[in-house]
Amino acid sequence: MDQNKDTFKLNPTNPNIVELLYPQPKAGTNSYGNWYLYGVRKDGIETGFFATDALHKKLSVYGQGAKVSITKEEYAPGKSAWTVQPLEGTQPQAVAPVATSTTVDNRTHDIHKQVCLKLAVELFGVKKGDMLSDTDMVTIDTNMQTLLSILESEEKVKHLTNSDAPQDGMPF
């Protein structure tokens, strides 16, 4: 947007019908905080307005060419917020989903098992140099497996704990 173009203040009493002229606003920070300058077409004139953080968040889902109505609405006595409604078939831009891994590989499982073993031993209260009975070892192993199932969720762990590897209860 041309820096010399006039800006306007959003009308707090009537809907502000605008078309976004750019994919993103100009943004910066000053002594008042973050600012967002939106280049728009309003009533056939290219102009711009400054948006608050909250209004910017609502407008940021729309792209260049989007036509929206921006209205100030009171949601409690003395409290109001800007609302943004798309016009004329304007749709929010699709947000790309963030890829997340839902599987636990063997290395991660081994690290989790070591952490859970350490926690189980600490919970049991073993002091350095203490001898453990078989019953103590079974209790610690049970606590470790319980912590592990919570950490990785039981379904994700089944294929790792039912492997052909020796099941002596130790992760190493």
Protein backbone atom coordinates (compact mmCIF):
# COMPACT_ATOMS: atom_id res chain seq x y z
CA MET A 1 0.00 0.00 0.00
CA ASP A 2 1.26 3.48 -0.83
CA GLN A 3 2.47 5.13 2.37
CA ASN A 4 0.91 8.46 1.30
CA LYS A 5 -2.66 7.15 1.08
CA ASP A 6 -4.99 8.35 3.80
CA THR A 7 -6.12 5.94 6.48
CA PHE A 8 -9.50 5.94 8.15
CA LYS A 9 -10.80 4.87 11.54
CA LEU A 10 -13.31 2.06 11.58
CA ASN A 11 -16.82 3.30 12.26
CA PRO A 12 -17.86 1.90 15.64
CA THR A 13 -21.61 2.36 15.04
CA ASN A 14 -22.09 1.00 11.49
CA PRO A 15 -20.70 -1.97 9.55
CA ASN A 16 -17.46 -1.24 7.69
CA ILE A 17 -17.60 -3.01 4.29
CA VAL A 18 -14.08 -3.42 2.86
CA GLU A 19 -12.15 -5.46 0.30
CA LEU A 20 -8.64 -6.53 1.32
CA LEU A 21 -6.17 -5.34 -1.33
CA TYR A 22 -3.09 -7.29 -0.20
CA PRO A 23 -2.35 -10.83 1.01
CA GLN A 24 -1.08 -9.52 4.36
CA PRO A 25 -1.07 -6.21 6.21
CA LYS A 26 2.02 -4.15 6.83
CA ALA A 27 3.04 -4.77 10.41
CA GLY A 28 5.39 -3.33 12.97
CA THR A 29 5.85 -2.38 16.57
CA ASN A 30 6.00 1.01 18.22
CA SER A 31 5.75 2.37 21.76
CA TYR A 32 2.04 1.42 21.81
CA GLY A 33 2.68 -2.20 20.80
CA ASN A 34 2.03 -4.12 17.57
CA TRP A 35 0.35 -2.39 14.64
CA TYR A 36 -1.22 -3.81 11.48
CA LEU A 37 -1.97 -1.53 8.51
CA TYR A 38 -4.52 -3.11 6.18
CA GLY A 39 -4.76 -1.80 2.62
CA VAL A 40 -8.42 -1.93 1.62
CA ARG A 41 -10.97 -0.64 -0.87
CA LYS A 42 -13.85 1.07 0.94
CA ASP A 43 -16.66 2.73 -1.00
CA GLY A 44 -14.57 2.39 -4.19
CA ILE A 45 -11.57 4.24 -2.71
CA GLU A 46 -8.19 2.68 -1.91
CA THR A 47 -7.39 3.47 1.70
CA GLY A 48 -6.26 1.69 4.84
CA PHE A 49 -6.90 1.25 8.52
CA PHE A 50 -4.96 0.12 11.56
CA ALA A 51 -6.18 -3.04 13.27
CA THR A 52 -5.74 -4.09 16.88
CA ASP A 53 -4.15 -7.46 17.70
CA ALA A 54 -7.58 -9.01 18.23
CA LEU A 55 -9.00 -7.66 14.97
CA HIS A 56 -5.84 -8.66 13.08
CA LYS A 57 -6.25 -12.22 14.34
CA LYS A 58 -9.79 -12.32 12.93
CA LEU A 59 -8.79 -10.74 9.60
CA SER A 60 -5.68 -12.88 9.12
CA VAL A 61 -7.75 -15.85 7.95
CA TYR A 62 -8.78 -13.90 4.86
CA GLY A 63 -6.59 -13.17 1.86
CA GLN A 64 -6.27 -10.65 -0.93
CA GLY A 65 -9.61 -9.86 -2.57
CA ALA A 66 -11.69 -10.94 0.42
CA LYS A 67 -14.74 -8.78 1.05
CA VAL A 68 -15.70 -8.52 4.71
CA SER A 69 -17.94 -6.55 7.02
CA ILE A 70 -16.23 -5.33 10.19
CA THR A 71 -18.64 -4.39 12.97
CA LYS A 72 -18.15 -3.39 16.58
CA GLU A 73 -20.48 -5.36 18.86
CA GLU A 74 -21.12 -5.00 22.55
CA TYR A 75 -20.87 -8.38 24.31
CA ALA A 76 -21.28 -7.10 27.89
CA PRO A 77 -22.20 -3.73 29.40
CA GLY A 78 -19.34 -1.39 28.51
CA LYS A 79 -17.39 -4.14 26.70
CA SER A 80 -17.19 -4.55 22.95
CA ALA A 81 -15.19 -6.34 20.27
CA TRP A 82 -14.84 -6.21 16.50
CA THR A 83 -16.51 -8.97 14.52
CA VAL A 84 -15.59 -9.92 10.95
CA GLN A 85 -18.19 -11.42 8.60
CA PRO A 86 -17.26 -12.57 5.07
CA LEU A 87 -19.35 -11.20 2.19
CA GLU A 88 -20.19 -12.27 -1.37
CA GLY A 89 -18.84 -15.81 -1.23
CA THR A 90 -15.61 -14.88 0.56
CA GLN A 91 -14.19 -17.90 2.33
CA PRO A 92 -11.43 -18.09 4.96
CA GLN A 93 -8.13 -19.32 3.56
CA ALA A 94 -7.35 -22.96 4.24
CA VAL A 95 -4.81 -23.33 7.00
CA ALA A 96 -2.26 -26.04 6.30
CA PRO A 97 -2.44 -28.71 9.01
CA VAL A 98 0.66 -29.23 11.09
CA ALA A 99 2.02 -32.73 10.62
CA THR A 100 2.48 -34.59 13.87
CA SER A 101 3.87 -38.02 14.45
CA THR A 102 1.61 -40.40 16.36
CA THR A 103 3.89 -43.42 16.33
CA VAL A 104 6.62 -44.29 18.78
CA ASP A 105 9.77 -45.70 17.21
CA ASN A 106 12.03 -48.20 19.02
CA ARG A 107 14.61 -45.57 20.01
CA THR A 108 11.98 -43.28 21.52
CA HIS A 109 10.35 -46.22 23.26
CA ASP A 110 13.71 -47.19 24.79
CA ILE A 111 14.26 -43.62 26.05
CA HIS A 112 10.74 -43.56 27.50
CA LYS A 113 11.34 -46.92 29.18
CA GLN A 114 14.56 -45.68 30.79
CA VAL A 115 12.84 -42.55 32.10
CA CYS A 116 9.93 -44.59 33.46
CA LEU A 117 12.32 -47.05 35.14
CA LYS A 118 14.11 -44.16 36.83
CA LEU A 119 10.80 -42.70 38.02
CA ALA A 120 9.55 -46.09 39.24
CA VAL A 121 12.75 -46.63 41.27
CA GLU A 122 12.48 -43.13 42.75
CA LEU A 123 8.80 -43.67 43.61
CA PHE A 124 9.67 -46.97 45.31
CA GLY A 125 12.19 -45.15 47.47
CA VAL A 126 15.30 -47.23 46.76
CA LYS A 127 18.43 -45.79 48.36
CA LYS A 128 21.84 -46.12 46.73
CA GLY A 129 23.38 -49.44 47.70
CA ASP A 130 20.10 -51.06 48.88
CA MET A 131 19.50 -54.66 47.83
CA LEU A 132 16.17 -55.37 46.15
CA SER A 133 14.15 -58.53 46.59
CA ASP A 134 12.37 -60.25 43.73
CA THR A 135 9.10 -58.78 45.01
CA ASP A 136 10.64 -55.30 44.97
CA MET A 137 11.80 -55.82 41.35
CA VAL A 138 8.32 -56.95 40.28
CA THR A 139 6.76 -53.90 41.96
CA ILE A 140 9.22 -51.54 40.27
CA ASP A 141 8.68 -53.26 36.89
CA THR A 142 4.89 -52.99 37.27
CA ASN A 143 5.16 -49.29 38.13
CA MET A 144 7.52 -48.74 35.18
CA GLN A 145 5.11 -50.45 32.75
CA THR A 146 2.20 -48.43 34.12
CA LEU A 147 4.10 -45.16 33.69
CA LEU A 148 5.15 -46.24 30.19
CA SER A 149 1.57 -47.04 29.19
CA ILE A 150 0.49 -43.60 30.39
CA LEU A 151 3.35 -41.90 28.54
CA GLU A 152 2.88 -43.65 25.20
CA SER A 153 -0.73 -44.81 25.49
CA GLU A 154 -1.30 -48.54 25.64
CA GLU A 155 -2.19 -49.08 21.95
CA LYS A 156 1.07 -47.55 20.70
CA VAL A 157 3.19 -49.69 23.04
CA LYS A 158 1.70 -53.14 22.29
CA HIS A 159 3.74 -53.77 19.12
CA LEU A 160 6.96 -52.83 20.94
CA THR A 161 6.45 -54.85 24.12
CA ASN A 162 5.33 -58.00 22.26
CA SER A 163 8.53 -58.27 20.24
CA ASP A 164 10.94 -61.21 20.10
CA ALA A 165 13.44 -59.32 22.27
CA PRO A 166 14.16 -60.75 25.73
CA GLN A 167 11.56 -59.57 28.23
CA ASP A 168 13.73 -59.25 31.32
CA GLY A 169 12.11 -55.94 32.22
CA MET A 170 15.27 -53.93 31.69
CA PRO A 171 15.54 -51.44 28.82
CA PHE A 172 19.20 -52.20 28.09
